[in-house]
Each structure stands twice: as C-alpha cells, then as structure tokens.
Amino acid sequence: MKPVVVLDVVGLTPRLLEHMPRLARLARTGFQAPLGTVLPAVTCSVQSTFLTGTLPAEHGIVGNGWYFRDLGEVLLWRQHNALVRGEKLWDAARARRPGYTVANVCWWYAMGADVDWTVTPRPVYHADGRKDPDCYTYPPELHDELTASLGTFPLFSYWGANAGLPSSAWICRAAEQIMDRHRPDLTLVYVPHLDYDLQRHGPSSPQAAAAAAELDATLGPLLAAAAARDATVVVLSEYGITDVSRPVDINRLLRAEGLLRVHTQAGMEYLDPWTSRAFAVADHQIAHVYVRDPAEIPAVAKLCAALPGVAEVLDAEGQAAHGLDHERSGELVLVAEPDAWFTYYYWLDDAAAPDFARLVEIHRKPGYDPAELFFDPAGPGAAKGRAGLALLRKKLGMRYLMSVVGLDAGARAVRGSHGRLPTDPRDAPVLICSDPAAARDSIDAVEVKELLLSLAGLTPPAPSPSSPTPVADPTPVADPNPLAGPTPVAGPTPLAGPTPLVGPTP
C-alpha cells in the first residue's frame, strides 16, 4: 500500500501550468487530465464531491453557504463535517483496510471529521471583540507541535487585503512536518494562494502568472518530501477562475421590487430573511434565491432572468439536471454571465450599510464578498491608514474596527471569479497524478474518491458469491412398495468416473 498525497491547488488550470515548471514536470512523468467540476464550482461544494463521490443533491453542500431555513439565518463558511452527508473517503478507506490513517491539512469542513490529524484555520475570538490569528488542530497537542516550529498560523495572510503566499507556505510546511513525524497513509493539503491575485487582477494578468510561479516554488519542498516517502502525488483544482468585469446586484433588484426587506438598528440596515418574500445568497457566479411563497416563484424567476448579467435561472427541474436539487438550495439558482458575478449588497444607500460591510467579516455577511481582498480602491491610502490605527488600538488592548473594505468601488475592482461551469478547457480544473499507470483521458469530480482509493491500493472488495437459488422439494409420491425403498429416477447416462461438482469461485 502506497501513501497518497493530495494537493488541492485552488484555481489551477492548464493555462497557469505554463508558469509552474515543477507541476508541469509532474504531469509529464505521470499524467494530466481535464477534471470535470460541479455546479456550483466553489470550494465547499467541489471538495465535498471529491470526498464523497456524490453531487450536491446528495451530500448537501450547495455552496460555500446557504440559508439555514430551520435557523432563519444565512451562514457561510461553517466548519462542522457533519454538514456533509454520505460516506467520506476515509470511511471507505477504513472499510477496505482497517487502521488506514488520514491527515487533513486545511481542507474545508475539517472539524469533527473522523481523521487522525486535523489542521484548520481558527482565530482566537476574545471576549472584548479582538480576533487573533490561530488554528485548530486534532489532536490538541499537534497545535503546539506545529506552532513551535512554524510559528502562529498567518491568518491575515489567508484572507483579506493582505492575503498572499505566507499562509500557503505555512500550510505546505505543516503538511511536510506531519508527513515526516506521523507518516499518514493519506495526506490532504489545501493550498489557496492562486485564489487571491486571480480574483484581484484576473487570470490573464501578469500578477496571475507571477502568483503561479511563486506557488510552484513553494510547493517544491512538499513535492520532494512526498517523493522521499515514495508517495503517489495527486494535484487537483476545484475550479478555474475566469476574467470578470461586472458585479450584479441581485439583492438590490429584489429590494427595489419590494421582495427583500430589511430592519434598521443604529442607522444600519440588516437583511431580514424572516419577512422577505425573496432574497439571494450570493456566492461568486452563483446565487441561491429563496422565495417564501411558491406561487411567486415564476414571477421572481422572470424578474431575475431580465437582470443584466444573469445567464440562467434554474428552477427545481434545472437544478436537478445539475445534481443541485437539495432542500438547502434556493427555490431558484442563478448563474451569472461569464464576465459577471453576484454581490450580496442589499442596501440602496452606502450610508445605511451595516458596519461589517467595510470589514473582513466572512461570517456576518449574508453572501460572499471578494471586495475583502482589497484596501478600499476608492481611497487605498486612507484605508491603510485606518488599518494602521486599528492595529495600534489592538496592541494597546483597545476595541478596534479594521474598516478597510470598499463597497461599490471594491466590487468594481474585482477582476476574477468562478462558480459557473467552465467553457474554455484552458481555464477549467485539471488533475495531475505522479502515477502514469493510472492515466485516463479525463475524470469527473465524482470519480476522484474512487481514484484516490485505487491509487492507495484499496480496490473495492469483491462481491460475495451469490448463493444458488434453492429448488423446491418435489411433491412426494406414494410409494407402492415401501419396503423396497424409493423408486429410482432416471438420470443422464453416466460418464466414466465421478462427475465433479462445480461450486462458487472462492
């Protein structure tokens, strides 16, 4: 049984491989294949498909977040593995080989996953509102083991205006250390670096090529460590990022039509999902639209279809065609045009926006906000000044707000997005494997789970032989001469020697 190392290199595409000589070399010595993704092509949905071998309609992860109908709240970026339904990769592996060990280094829905080693970003939330960088680990002692040699997890490099290479470098070094000291059979590693400059500047920008090259260099030691263990390496991506230029304000449309409602506190407007007739959970190029009254679904669908930037409106039948028909999905799912993406913005006047709109606040916003990747483009110098003052207040133990995110100016600055199914193979996800014997022309996301099991030498157990169908006893016939024994039944002409009985193959 060979160890397997899986690198989820977010945003990796054939186009970017041209700037990544180490990964390109791995593809040449092993194999490279197009990887069919799922709708929505976003992290949580695609990773869950990789790990369960099923579509969102079965595993239930319909996006990076959704409207929790039983709570009456929009929640993104939850972390509990129990949200993902179905048999996970590690469950299948252990069913075939008890004792199979797994390390999860920053793949999503890590908390509570039945693996042997877990590392996932988790800030320290202080009682006074301060947030400090840190990570969660299982077992707990792994935390000090990693931070003693690598330092504190660089959370503010993992997301936000300062997001960049240090977080991916830390993750790769953590994976190396776990592989060296604990030697897991399967190591899952999430590497987010390409997500940042590709969304900021677009995949066709010089910054995207530079990000690909620097990540390739960062992956070098991890690839070498895997080779030293004679591990099979799989590199895959969840989606490809494409160039965009148009933010689409779906919630503002719904509000203008009287469908979305807000409530106001301290002069700030908050989405009111309890009383809204329709509202959208925006997630890159996908938006789940929740419609309270089924009778209004056709009218809401027609309204959304007329909004510039909307390419498709999927009703229940349309969602079923994509394997997205799940109770967590909206009554409608919108797909953006290739150059467009959906904002979560629901206010009509920036003066009424909630204070968290200008913060890096992924858990309070009722939708995804890529503007968090920028210091406010309307005044980046002033935004950096506010950030410096906030850091000073933090060091002094005072309350602070890191108010650096632009609103409409930030949305207009975004140049890359994802979520819809790709149209150009060069901008689509890709899978690379170091084992040429496993080569195939293409692979779908639902096939990744079984591929990883086969690369580990964990083939499916052979089906148990079927038992012969029992034959009903013949109706007994009265024997005219019971003392003479049963009347013999005529059979086939006997062959020389006894005829062997053919049983099931062992």
Protein backbone atom coordinates (compact mmCIF):
# COMPACT_ATOMS: atom_id res chain seq x y z
CA MET A 1 0.00 0.00 0.00
CA LYS A 2 1.49 3.31 -1.10
CA PRO A 3 0.94 6.58 0.74
CA VAL A 4 -1.03 9.19 -1.19
CA VAL A 5 -0.64 12.97 -1.00
CA VAL A 6 -3.44 15.11 -2.47
CA LEU A 7 -2.77 18.80 -3.12
CA ASP A 8 -5.88 20.90 -3.73
CA VAL A 9 -4.27 23.80 -5.59
CA VAL A 10 -7.17 26.22 -5.87
CA GLY A 11 -7.63 27.77 -9.30
CA LEU A 12 -5.06 25.59 -11.07
CA THR A 13 -5.71 25.38 -14.83
CA PRO A 14 -3.76 24.29 -17.92
CA ARG A 15 -3.15 27.97 -18.68
CA LEU A 16 -1.42 28.52 -15.32
CA LEU A 17 0.61 25.32 -15.58
CA GLU A 18 2.67 27.09 -18.24
CA HIS A 19 4.19 29.12 -15.37
CA MET A 20 4.66 26.19 -12.97
CA PRO A 21 7.64 24.05 -14.06
CA ARG A 22 7.55 21.66 -11.08
CA LEU A 23 3.91 20.76 -11.51
CA ALA A 24 4.35 20.59 -15.29
CA ARG A 25 7.21 18.12 -14.79
CA LEU A 26 5.00 16.01 -12.53
CA ALA A 27 2.34 15.99 -15.26
CA ARG A 28 4.87 14.86 -17.88
CA THR A 29 6.26 11.98 -15.81
CA GLY A 30 2.81 10.95 -14.60
CA PHE A 31 -0.29 12.15 -16.37
CA GLN A 32 -2.57 15.16 -16.68
CA ALA A 33 -6.31 15.05 -17.35
CA PRO A 34 -9.20 17.53 -17.55
CA LEU A 35 -11.22 17.45 -14.35
CA GLY A 36 -14.97 17.88 -14.65
CA THR A 37 -16.25 20.05 -11.81
CA VAL A 38 -19.75 20.52 -10.37
CA LEU A 39 -22.25 23.34 -10.17
CA PRO A 40 -21.60 25.44 -8.19
CA ALA A 41 -17.87 25.36 -8.84
CA VAL A 42 -16.95 26.70 -5.41
CA THR A 43 -14.67 25.31 -2.71
CA CYS A 44 -17.08 23.72 -0.26
CA SER A 45 -19.27 22.07 -2.90
CA VAL A 46 -16.43 20.66 -5.00
CA GLN A 47 -14.34 19.42 -2.08
CA SER A 48 -17.39 17.62 -0.70
CA THR A 49 -17.91 15.94 -4.07
CA PHE A 50 -14.26 14.85 -4.16
CA LEU A 51 -14.55 13.31 -0.70
CA THR A 52 -17.95 11.62 -1.08
CA GLY A 53 -18.10 10.78 -4.77
CA THR A 54 -21.58 12.33 -4.96
CA LEU A 55 -23.16 15.53 -6.24
CA PRO A 56 -24.52 18.36 -4.05
CA ALA A 57 -28.02 16.89 -4.35
CA GLU A 58 -26.73 14.01 -2.20
CA HIS A 59 -24.00 15.43 0.03
CA GLY A 60 -25.95 18.64 0.65
CA ILE A 61 -23.19 21.24 0.27
CA VAL A 62 -24.96 23.51 -2.20
CA GLY A 63 -22.43 26.34 -1.90
CA ASN A 64 -19.98 27.94 0.48
CA GLY A 65 -23.07 28.79 2.49
CA TRP A 66 -26.83 28.85 2.28
CA TYR A 67 -29.99 29.93 4.08
CA PHE A 68 -30.48 27.66 7.08
CA ARG A 69 -34.27 27.50 6.99
CA ASP A 70 -34.50 25.94 10.46
CA LEU A 71 -32.45 28.80 11.95
CA GLY A 72 -33.74 31.62 9.79
CA GLU A 73 -30.16 32.73 9.09
CA VAL A 74 -27.74 32.92 6.18
CA LEU A 75 -24.48 31.29 7.23
CA LEU A 76 -21.33 30.87 5.17
CA TRP A 77 -18.09 29.02 5.86
CA ARG A 78 -19.38 26.63 8.50
CA GLN A 79 -16.79 24.10 9.64
CA HIS A 80 -18.52 21.01 11.05
CA ASN A 81 -18.00 17.90 8.95
CA ALA A 82 -21.44 16.56 9.90
CA LEU A 83 -22.95 19.04 7.42
CA VAL A 84 -21.52 16.86 4.63
CA ARG A 85 -23.76 13.85 4.12
CA GLY A 86 -22.64 10.49 2.82
CA GLU A 87 -19.68 8.15 3.11
CA LYS A 88 -16.41 10.08 3.20
CA LEU A 89 -13.17 9.00 1.54
CA TRP A 90 -11.61 7.96 4.86
CA ASP A 91 -14.67 5.89 5.80
CA ALA A 92 -14.41 3.97 2.54
CA ALA A 93 -10.66 3.51 3.01
CA ARG A 94 -11.04 2.08 6.50
CA ALA A 95 -13.83 -0.23 5.40
CA ARG A 96 -11.32 -1.74 2.97
CA ARG A 97 -8.29 -1.52 5.26
CA PRO A 98 -8.92 -1.02 8.99
CA GLY A 99 -6.41 1.31 10.59
CA TYR A 100 -5.89 3.45 7.47
CA THR A 101 -4.64 6.86 8.65
CA VAL A 102 -5.55 10.28 7.26
CA ALA A 103 -4.27 13.84 7.77
CA ASN A 104 -6.45 16.78 6.73
CA VAL A 105 -4.42 19.97 6.38
CA CYS A 106 -6.92 22.79 5.80
CA TRP A 107 -9.48 21.11 3.55
CA TRP A 108 -12.90 22.51 4.41
CA TYR A 109 -15.42 21.02 6.89
CA ALA A 110 -12.47 19.70 8.89
CA MET A 111 -13.90 19.99 12.39
CA GLY A 112 -15.36 16.76 13.65
CA ALA A 113 -14.09 14.79 10.65
CA ASP A 114 -13.10 11.26 11.62
CA VAL A 115 -9.46 11.62 10.61
CA ASP A 116 -6.26 11.12 12.58
CA TRP A 117 -4.72 14.59 12.23
CA THR A 118 -6.54 17.85 11.50
CA VAL A 119 -5.30 21.39 10.93
CA THR A 120 -7.71 24.18 10.02
CA PRO A 121 -7.67 28.00 10.40
CA ARG A 122 -9.44 29.10 13.58
CA PRO A 123 -8.93 32.58 15.09
CA VAL A 124 -8.92 33.30 18.81
CA TYR A 125 -12.12 35.27 19.45
CA HIS A 126 -11.51 37.28 22.61
CA ALA A 127 -14.35 38.40 24.84
CA ASP A 128 -13.64 42.08 24.10
CA GLY A 129 -14.11 41.55 20.36
CA ARG A 130 -10.44 41.20 19.39
CA LYS A 131 -9.54 38.49 16.89
CA ASP A 132 -6.06 36.94 16.89
CA PRO A 133 -4.61 34.52 14.35
CA ASP A 134 -4.50 30.85 15.25
CA CYS A 135 -5.53 27.40 14.07
CA TYR A 136 -7.47 24.43 15.38
CA THR A 137 -5.81 21.04 15.45
CA TYR A 138 -6.63 17.49 16.32
CA PRO A 139 -5.16 16.00 18.36
CA PRO A 140 -4.78 19.14 20.50
CA GLU A 141 -1.05 18.64 21.06
CA LEU A 142 -0.48 18.97 17.31
CA HIS A 143 -1.13 22.72 17.71
CA ASP A 144 1.96 23.32 19.82
CA GLU A 145 3.98 20.86 17.78
CA LEU A 146 3.34 22.88 14.62
CA THR A 147 3.49 26.40 16.03
CA ALA A 148 6.73 25.68 17.88
CA SER A 149 8.50 25.10 14.58
CA LEU A 150 6.41 27.14 12.13
CA GLY A 151 5.10 30.00 14.25
CA THR A 152 1.48 31.08 14.56
CA PHE A 153 -0.73 30.34 11.58
CA PRO A 154 -0.72 33.56 9.48
CA LEU A 155 -4.47 34.07 9.42
CA PHE A 156 -4.37 37.57 7.96
CA SER A 157 -2.43 36.21 5.00
CA TYR A 158 -5.08 33.52 4.50
CA TRP A 159 -7.81 36.03 3.59
CA GLY A 160 -8.29 39.77 3.32
CA ALA A 161 -6.38 42.65 1.77
CA ASN A 162 -3.06 41.12 2.91
CA ALA A 163 -3.87 37.61 1.64
CA GLY A 164 -0.82 36.11 -0.01
CA LEU A 165 1.86 33.47 -0.06
CA PRO A 166 2.73 33.16 3.68
CA SER A 167 -0.45 31.23 4.51
CA SER A 168 0.06 28.70 1.71
CA ALA A 169 3.73 28.35 2.66
CA TRP A 170 2.75 27.65 6.29
CA ILE A 171 0.20 25.05 5.20
CA CYS A 172 2.74 23.28 2.98
CA ARG A 173 5.33 23.21 5.75
CA ALA A 174 2.75 21.90 8.21
CA ALA A 175 1.91 19.09 5.79
CA GLU A 176 5.61 18.26 5.42
CA GLN A 177 6.05 18.09 9.18
CA ILE A 178 3.00 15.87 9.68
CA MET A 179 4.16 13.55 6.91
CA ASP A 180 7.64 13.33 8.42
CA ARG A 181 6.65 12.78 12.05
CA HIS A 182 3.38 10.88 11.75
CA ARG A 183 3.52 9.25 8.31
CA PRO A 184 -0.19 9.22 7.43
CA ASP A 185 -1.37 6.91 4.68
CA LEU A 186 -3.33 9.77 3.07
CA THR A 187 -2.48 13.46 3.37
CA LEU A 188 -4.95 16.07 2.12
CA VAL A 189 -3.50 19.56 1.66
CA TYR A 190 -5.46 22.70 0.70
CA VAL A 191 -3.29 25.36 -1.00
CA PRO A 192 -5.26 28.62 -1.54
CA HIS A 193 -2.65 31.01 -2.95
CA LEU A 194 -3.91 31.25 -6.54
CA ASP A 195 -7.31 32.39 -5.29
CA TYR A 196 -6.02 35.82 -4.32
CA ASP A 197 -4.36 37.63 -7.22
CA LEU A 198 -6.53 35.80 -9.74
CA GLN A 199 -9.62 37.34 -8.14
CA ARG A 200 -7.93 40.70 -7.66
CA HIS A 201 -6.40 41.01 -11.13
CA GLY A 202 -7.90 38.25 -13.30
CA PRO A 203 -6.32 35.03 -14.59
CA SER A 204 -4.92 36.66 -17.73
CA SER A 205 -2.98 39.29 -15.76
CA PRO A 206 0.80 39.37 -15.17
CA GLN A 207 0.06 39.11 -11.44
CA ALA A 208 -1.65 35.75 -12.02
CA ALA A 209 1.39 34.36 -13.84
CA ALA A 210 3.66 35.61 -11.05
CA ALA A 211 1.44 34.03 -8.38
CA ALA A 212 1.55 30.70 -10.21
CA ALA A 213 5.34 30.81 -10.44
CA GLU A 214 5.86 31.66 -6.77
CA LEU A 215 3.43 28.98 -5.64
CA ASP A 216 5.21 26.40 -7.79
CA ALA A 217 8.46 27.22 -6.00
CA THR A 218 6.72 26.98 -2.63
CA LEU A 219 5.38 23.53 -3.49
CA GLY A 220 8.87 22.25 -4.30
CA PRO A 221 9.86 21.02 -0.80
CA LEU A 222 6.46 19.39 -0.25
CA LEU A 223 6.72 17.54 -3.56
CA ALA A 224 10.23 16.43 -2.62
CA ALA A 225 9.02 15.20 0.78
CA ALA A 226 6.29 13.18 -0.90
CA ALA A 227 8.80 11.68 -3.33
CA ALA A 228 11.10 10.75 -0.43
CA ARG A 229 8.23 8.69 1.02
CA ASP A 230 7.60 7.13 -2.39
CA ALA A 231 4.11 8.57 -2.16
CA THR A 232 1.74 8.90 -5.08
CA VAL A 233 1.00 12.60 -5.59
CA VAL A 234 -2.29 13.93 -6.92
CA VAL A 235 -2.66 17.63 -7.67
CA LEU A 236 -6.15 18.85 -8.49
CA SER A 237 -8.22 22.00 -8.56
CA GLU A 238 -11.83 22.73 -7.70
CA TYR A 239 -12.43 25.32 -10.40
CA GLY A 240 -10.76 27.68 -12.80
CA ILE A 241 -11.03 31.43 -12.28
CA THR A 242 -12.12 33.47 -15.29
CA ASP A 243 -11.89 37.17 -16.11
CA VAL A 244 -14.86 39.27 -14.96
CA SER A 245 -15.74 42.95 -15.06
CA ARG A 246 -19.40 43.22 -13.96
CA PRO A 247 -20.81 42.96 -10.44
CA VAL A 248 -24.51 42.08 -10.45
CA ASP A 249 -26.58 43.44 -7.56
CA ILE A 250 -29.27 40.80 -7.35
CA ASN A 251 -30.47 41.71 -3.85
CA ARG A 252 -30.82 45.37 -4.73
CA LEU A 253 -33.15 44.35 -7.55
CA LEU A 254 -35.23 42.20 -5.22
CA ARG A 255 -35.42 45.02 -2.71
CA ALA A 256 -36.42 47.59 -5.31
CA GLU A 257 -39.29 45.28 -6.28
CA GLY A 258 -40.47 45.06 -2.67
CA LEU A 259 -39.47 41.42 -2.26
CA LEU A 260 -36.45 41.81 0.04
CA ARG A 261 -36.93 43.51 3.38
CA VAL A 262 -34.52 44.96 5.92
CA HIS A 263 -34.68 46.05 9.53
CA THR A 264 -32.75 49.03 10.88
CA GLN A 265 -30.69 49.38 14.05
CA ALA A 266 -28.39 52.28 14.94
CA GLY A 267 -28.96 53.68 11.46
CA MET A 268 -27.69 50.48 9.82
CA GLU A 269 -29.76 48.18 7.61
CA TYR A 270 -29.73 44.42 8.06
CA LEU A 271 -31.21 41.78 5.80
CA ASP A 272 -34.46 40.45 7.27
CA PRO A 273 -34.84 36.93 5.89
CA TRP A 274 -37.82 36.18 8.16
CA THR A 275 -40.09 38.68 6.45
CA SER A 276 -38.54 38.87 2.97
CA ARG A 277 -40.59 37.35 0.19
CA ALA A 278 -37.41 36.69 -1.79
CA PHE A 279 -33.70 37.26 -1.24
CA ALA A 280 -30.46 35.88 -2.67
CA VAL A 281 -27.40 34.28 -1.11
CA ALA A 282 -24.67 35.42 -3.50
CA ASP A 283 -21.73 33.04 -3.96
CA HIS A 284 -19.32 34.21 -6.68
CA GLN A 285 -21.07 33.47 -10.02
CA ILE A 286 -23.94 31.56 -8.41
CA ALA A 287 -26.82 32.91 -6.33
CA HIS A 288 -29.42 30.88 -4.45
CA VAL A 289 -32.70 32.79 -4.44
CA TYR A 290 -35.04 31.81 -1.61
CA VAL A 291 -38.71 32.52 -2.36
CA ARG A 292 -41.12 32.26 0.57
CA ASP A 293 -44.36 31.72 -1.39
CA PRO A 294 -44.22 29.01 -4.08
CA ALA A 295 -46.86 30.90 -6.04
CA GLU A 296 -44.38 33.76 -6.54
CA ILE A 297 -41.56 31.60 -7.95
CA PRO A 298 -42.46 32.13 -11.64
CA ALA A 299 -42.66 35.92 -11.22
CA VAL A 300 -39.36 36.05 -9.32
CA ALA A 301 -37.74 33.85 -11.96
CA LYS A 302 -38.90 36.18 -14.73
CA LEU A 303 -37.63 39.22 -12.82
CA CYS A 304 -34.20 37.66 -12.25
CA ALA A 305 -33.88 36.48 -15.85
CA ALA A 306 -34.27 40.07 -17.06
CA LEU A 307 -31.42 41.37 -14.89
CA PRO A 308 -28.30 42.12 -16.98
CA GLY A 309 -25.51 39.69 -16.08
CA VAL A 310 -27.80 36.71 -15.37
CA ALA A 311 -27.23 33.88 -17.84
CA GLU A 312 -29.53 31.20 -16.43
CA VAL A 313 -32.32 30.84 -13.90
CA LEU A 314 -32.58 27.25 -12.67
CA ASP A 315 -35.88 26.12 -11.21
CA ALA A 316 -36.28 22.74 -9.49
CA GLU A 317 -36.04 20.88 -12.79
CA GLY A 318 -32.99 22.85 -13.90
CA GLN A 319 -31.28 22.23 -10.56
CA ALA A 320 -31.99 18.51 -10.83
CA ALA A 321 -30.24 18.44 -14.21
CA HIS A 322 -27.07 19.64 -12.46
CA GLY A 323 -27.40 17.47 -9.35
CA LEU A 324 -28.17 20.55 -7.24
CA ASP A 325 -31.75 19.77 -6.21
CA HIS A 326 -31.40 19.68 -2.44
CA GLU A 327 -33.54 21.06 0.37
CA ARG A 328 -30.79 23.58 1.20
CA SER A 329 -30.86 25.08 -2.30
CA GLY A 330 -32.87 28.14 -3.12
CA GLU A 331 -36.16 27.79 -4.97
CA LEU A 332 -34.19 29.35 -7.83
CA VAL A 333 -30.47 29.23 -8.61
CA LEU A 334 -28.99 31.97 -10.77
CA VAL A 335 -25.90 31.51 -12.94
CA ALA A 336 -24.01 34.63 -13.97
CA GLU A 337 -22.78 35.53 -17.44
CA PRO A 338 -19.11 34.56 -17.97
CA ASP A 339 -17.85 38.10 -17.25
CA ALA A 340 -20.20 38.76 -14.31
CA TRP A 341 -20.55 37.80 -10.63
CA PHE A 342 -23.10 38.41 -7.86
CA THR A 343 -22.73 40.82 -4.95
CA TYR A 344 -24.57 40.26 -1.67
CA TYR A 345 -25.32 44.01 -1.32
CA TYR A 346 -28.92 44.73 -0.32
CA TRP A 347 -28.76 48.38 0.83
CA LEU A 348 -29.62 51.18 -1.59
CA ASP A 349 -27.52 53.87 0.12
CA ASP A 350 -23.97 53.20 1.32
CA ALA A 351 -24.66 55.42 4.34
CA ALA A 352 -27.09 52.74 5.55
CA ALA A 353 -24.73 49.80 5.03
CA PRO A 354 -24.01 47.78 8.19
CA ASP A 355 -20.61 48.35 9.78
CA PHE A 356 -19.48 44.81 8.94
CA ALA A 357 -19.78 45.62 5.22
CA ARG A 358 -16.49 47.56 5.43
CA LEU A 359 -14.71 44.83 7.40
CA VAL A 360 -13.21 41.47 6.56
CA GLU A 361 -16.12 39.64 8.13
CA ILE A 362 -16.85 36.37 6.35
CA HIS A 363 -19.26 35.04 8.99
CA ARG A 364 -21.61 38.02 9.31
CA LYS A 365 -22.11 38.91 5.67
CA PRO A 366 -25.10 37.11 4.11
CA GLY A 367 -23.09 36.34 0.98
CA TYR A 368 -19.57 36.18 -0.40
CA ASP A 369 -17.60 39.45 -0.70
CA PRO A 370 -14.43 39.44 -2.86
CA ALA A 371 -14.01 43.17 -2.17
CA GLU A 372 -12.38 42.00 1.08
CA LEU A 373 -9.26 41.26 -0.99
CA PHE A 374 -8.60 44.99 -1.49
CA PHE A 375 -7.80 48.03 0.56
CA ASP A 376 -10.70 50.27 -0.47
CA PRO A 377 -9.95 51.18 -4.12
CA ALA A 378 -11.76 54.49 -3.62
CA GLY A 379 -9.02 55.52 -1.21
CA PRO A 380 -6.40 52.83 -0.58
CA GLY A 381 -4.04 55.19 1.25
CA ALA A 382 -6.73 56.22 3.72
CA ALA A 383 -7.77 52.57 4.15
CA LYS A 384 -4.20 51.59 5.03
CA GLY A 385 -4.04 54.48 7.47
CA ARG A 386 -7.21 53.24 9.18
CA ALA A 387 -5.70 49.77 9.30
CA GLY A 388 -2.56 51.08 10.98
CA LEU A 389 -4.58 52.94 13.60
CA ALA A 390 -6.68 49.83 14.24
CA LEU A 391 -3.54 47.74 14.76
CA LEU A 392 -2.25 50.27 17.27
CA ARG A 393 -5.53 50.13 19.20
CA LYS A 394 -5.35 46.34 19.14
CA LYS A 395 -1.82 46.32 20.56
CA LEU A 396 -2.99 48.65 23.33
CA GLY A 397 -5.78 46.21 24.17
CA MET A 398 -8.50 48.56 22.95
CA ARG A 399 -11.52 47.80 20.80
CA TYR A 400 -10.97 48.45 17.12
CA LEU A 401 -12.57 48.11 13.68
CA MET A 402 -10.41 47.19 10.69
CA SER A 403 -12.53 49.30 8.33
CA VAL A 404 -10.64 48.86 5.06
CA VAL A 405 -13.10 47.26 2.59
CA GLY A 406 -14.62 49.32 -0.21
CA LEU A 407 -18.26 48.90 -1.15
CA ASP A 408 -19.23 49.62 -4.74
CA ALA A 409 -15.66 50.68 -5.57
CA GLY A 410 -14.41 47.39 -4.14
CA ALA A 411 -16.90 45.38 -6.17
CA ARG A 412 -15.96 47.16 -9.37
CA ALA A 413 -12.29 46.36 -8.75
CA VAL A 414 -12.77 42.57 -8.84
CA ARG A 415 -11.31 41.02 -11.99
CA GLY A 416 -11.69 37.27 -11.47
CA SER A 417 -14.45 34.94 -10.34
CA HIS A 418 -15.75 31.37 -10.58
CA GLY A 419 -18.78 29.23 -9.84
CA ARG A 420 -20.31 28.60 -13.26
CA LEU A 421 -19.23 25.60 -15.31
CA PRO A 422 -16.17 26.37 -17.49
CA THR A 423 -16.43 26.93 -21.23
CA ASP A 424 -12.73 27.04 -22.17
CA PRO A 425 -10.69 23.90 -21.33
CA ARG A 426 -7.60 26.03 -20.70
CA ASP A 427 -9.44 27.77 -17.85
CA ALA A 428 -11.02 24.60 -16.44
CA PRO A 429 -9.88 22.48 -13.50
CA VAL A 430 -7.15 19.92 -14.04
CA LEU A 431 -5.89 16.78 -12.31
CA ILE A 432 -2.24 15.73 -12.27
CA CYS A 433 -1.03 12.38 -10.94
CA SER A 434 2.50 11.08 -10.49
CA ASP A 435 1.48 7.51 -11.36
CA PRO A 436 1.33 7.06 -15.17
CA ALA A 437 -0.27 3.64 -14.75
CA ALA A 438 -3.46 5.37 -13.59
CA ALA A 439 -3.66 7.61 -16.68
CA ARG A 440 -7.03 8.41 -18.20
CA ASP A 441 -8.29 10.85 -20.80
CA SER A 442 -10.49 12.76 -18.35
CA ILE A 443 -12.02 12.43 -14.90
CA ASP A 444 -15.16 13.76 -13.26
CA ALA A 445 -15.26 15.19 -9.77
CA VAL A 446 -17.48 12.32 -8.61
CA GLU A 447 -14.75 9.86 -9.69
CA VAL A 448 -11.94 11.39 -7.62
CA LYS A 449 -12.81 9.48 -4.46
CA GLU A 450 -12.51 6.08 -6.14
CA LEU A 451 -9.35 7.15 -7.99
CA LEU A 452 -7.66 8.01 -4.69
CA LEU A 453 -8.69 4.69 -3.17
CA SER A 454 -7.30 2.79 -6.14
CA LEU A 455 -4.02 4.74 -6.05
CA ALA A 456 -3.69 3.69 -2.40
CA GLY A 457 -4.16 0.06 -3.41
CA LEU A 458 -7.59 -0.07 -1.79
CA THR A 459 -9.63 -1.70 -4.50
CA PRO A 460 -13.31 -2.39 -3.81
CA PRO A 461 -13.95 -5.66 -2.04
CA ALA A 462 -15.05 -8.44 -4.38
CA PRO A 463 -18.79 -9.05 -4.22
CA SER A 464 -19.65 -12.10 -2.16
CA PRO A 465 -20.63 -15.07 -4.36
CA SER A 466 -24.33 -15.44 -4.73
CA SER A 467 -25.87 -18.49 -3.17
CA PRO A 468 -27.61 -20.93 -5.53
CA THR A 469 -31.34 -20.46 -5.72
CA PRO A 470 -32.94 -23.16 -3.59
CA VAL A 471 -35.06 -25.63 -5.51
CA ALA A 472 -38.43 -26.52 -4.06
CA ASP A 473 -38.74 -30.09 -2.90
CA PRO A 474 -40.85 -32.18 -5.29
CA THR A 475 -44.28 -33.23 -4.16
CA PRO A 476 -43.84 -36.63 -2.54
CA VAL A 477 -45.37 -39.54 -4.41
CA ALA A 478 -46.86 -42.50 -2.54
CA ASP A 479 -44.51 -45.47 -2.75
CA PRO A 480 -46.41 -48.64 -3.71
CA ASN A 481 -43.79 -50.80 -2.03
CA PRO A 482 -42.36 -49.01 0.99
CA LEU A 483 -40.08 -51.90 1.93
CA ALA A 484 -38.22 -51.73 -1.40
CA GLY A 485 -37.02 -48.08 -0.88
CA PRO A 486 -37.69 -45.11 -3.12
CA THR A 487 -38.26 -45.64 -6.77
CA PRO A 488 -35.08 -44.55 -8.65
CA VAL A 489 -35.44 -41.60 -11.01
CA ALA A 490 -34.00 -41.96 -14.49
CA GLY A 491 -30.98 -39.67 -14.95
CA PRO A 492 -28.46 -38.91 -17.67
CA THR A 493 -26.18 -41.62 -18.98
CA PRO A 494 -23.29 -41.84 -16.51
CA LEU A 495 -19.81 -40.71 -17.64
CA ALA A 496 -16.66 -42.61 -16.86
CA GLY A 497 -15.60 -41.69 -13.31
CA PRO A 498 -17.43 -39.39 -10.96
CA THR A 499 -18.52 -36.02 -12.31
CA PRO A 500 -17.02 -33.18 -10.18
CA LEU A 501 -19.40 -30.69 -8.63
CA VAL A 502 -18.90 -27.07 -9.74
CA GLY A 503 -19.24 -24.64 -6.83
CA PRO A 504 -18.79 -20.91 -6.50
CA THR A 505 -15.36 -19.48 -7.25
CA PRO A 506 -13.55 -18.86 -3.93
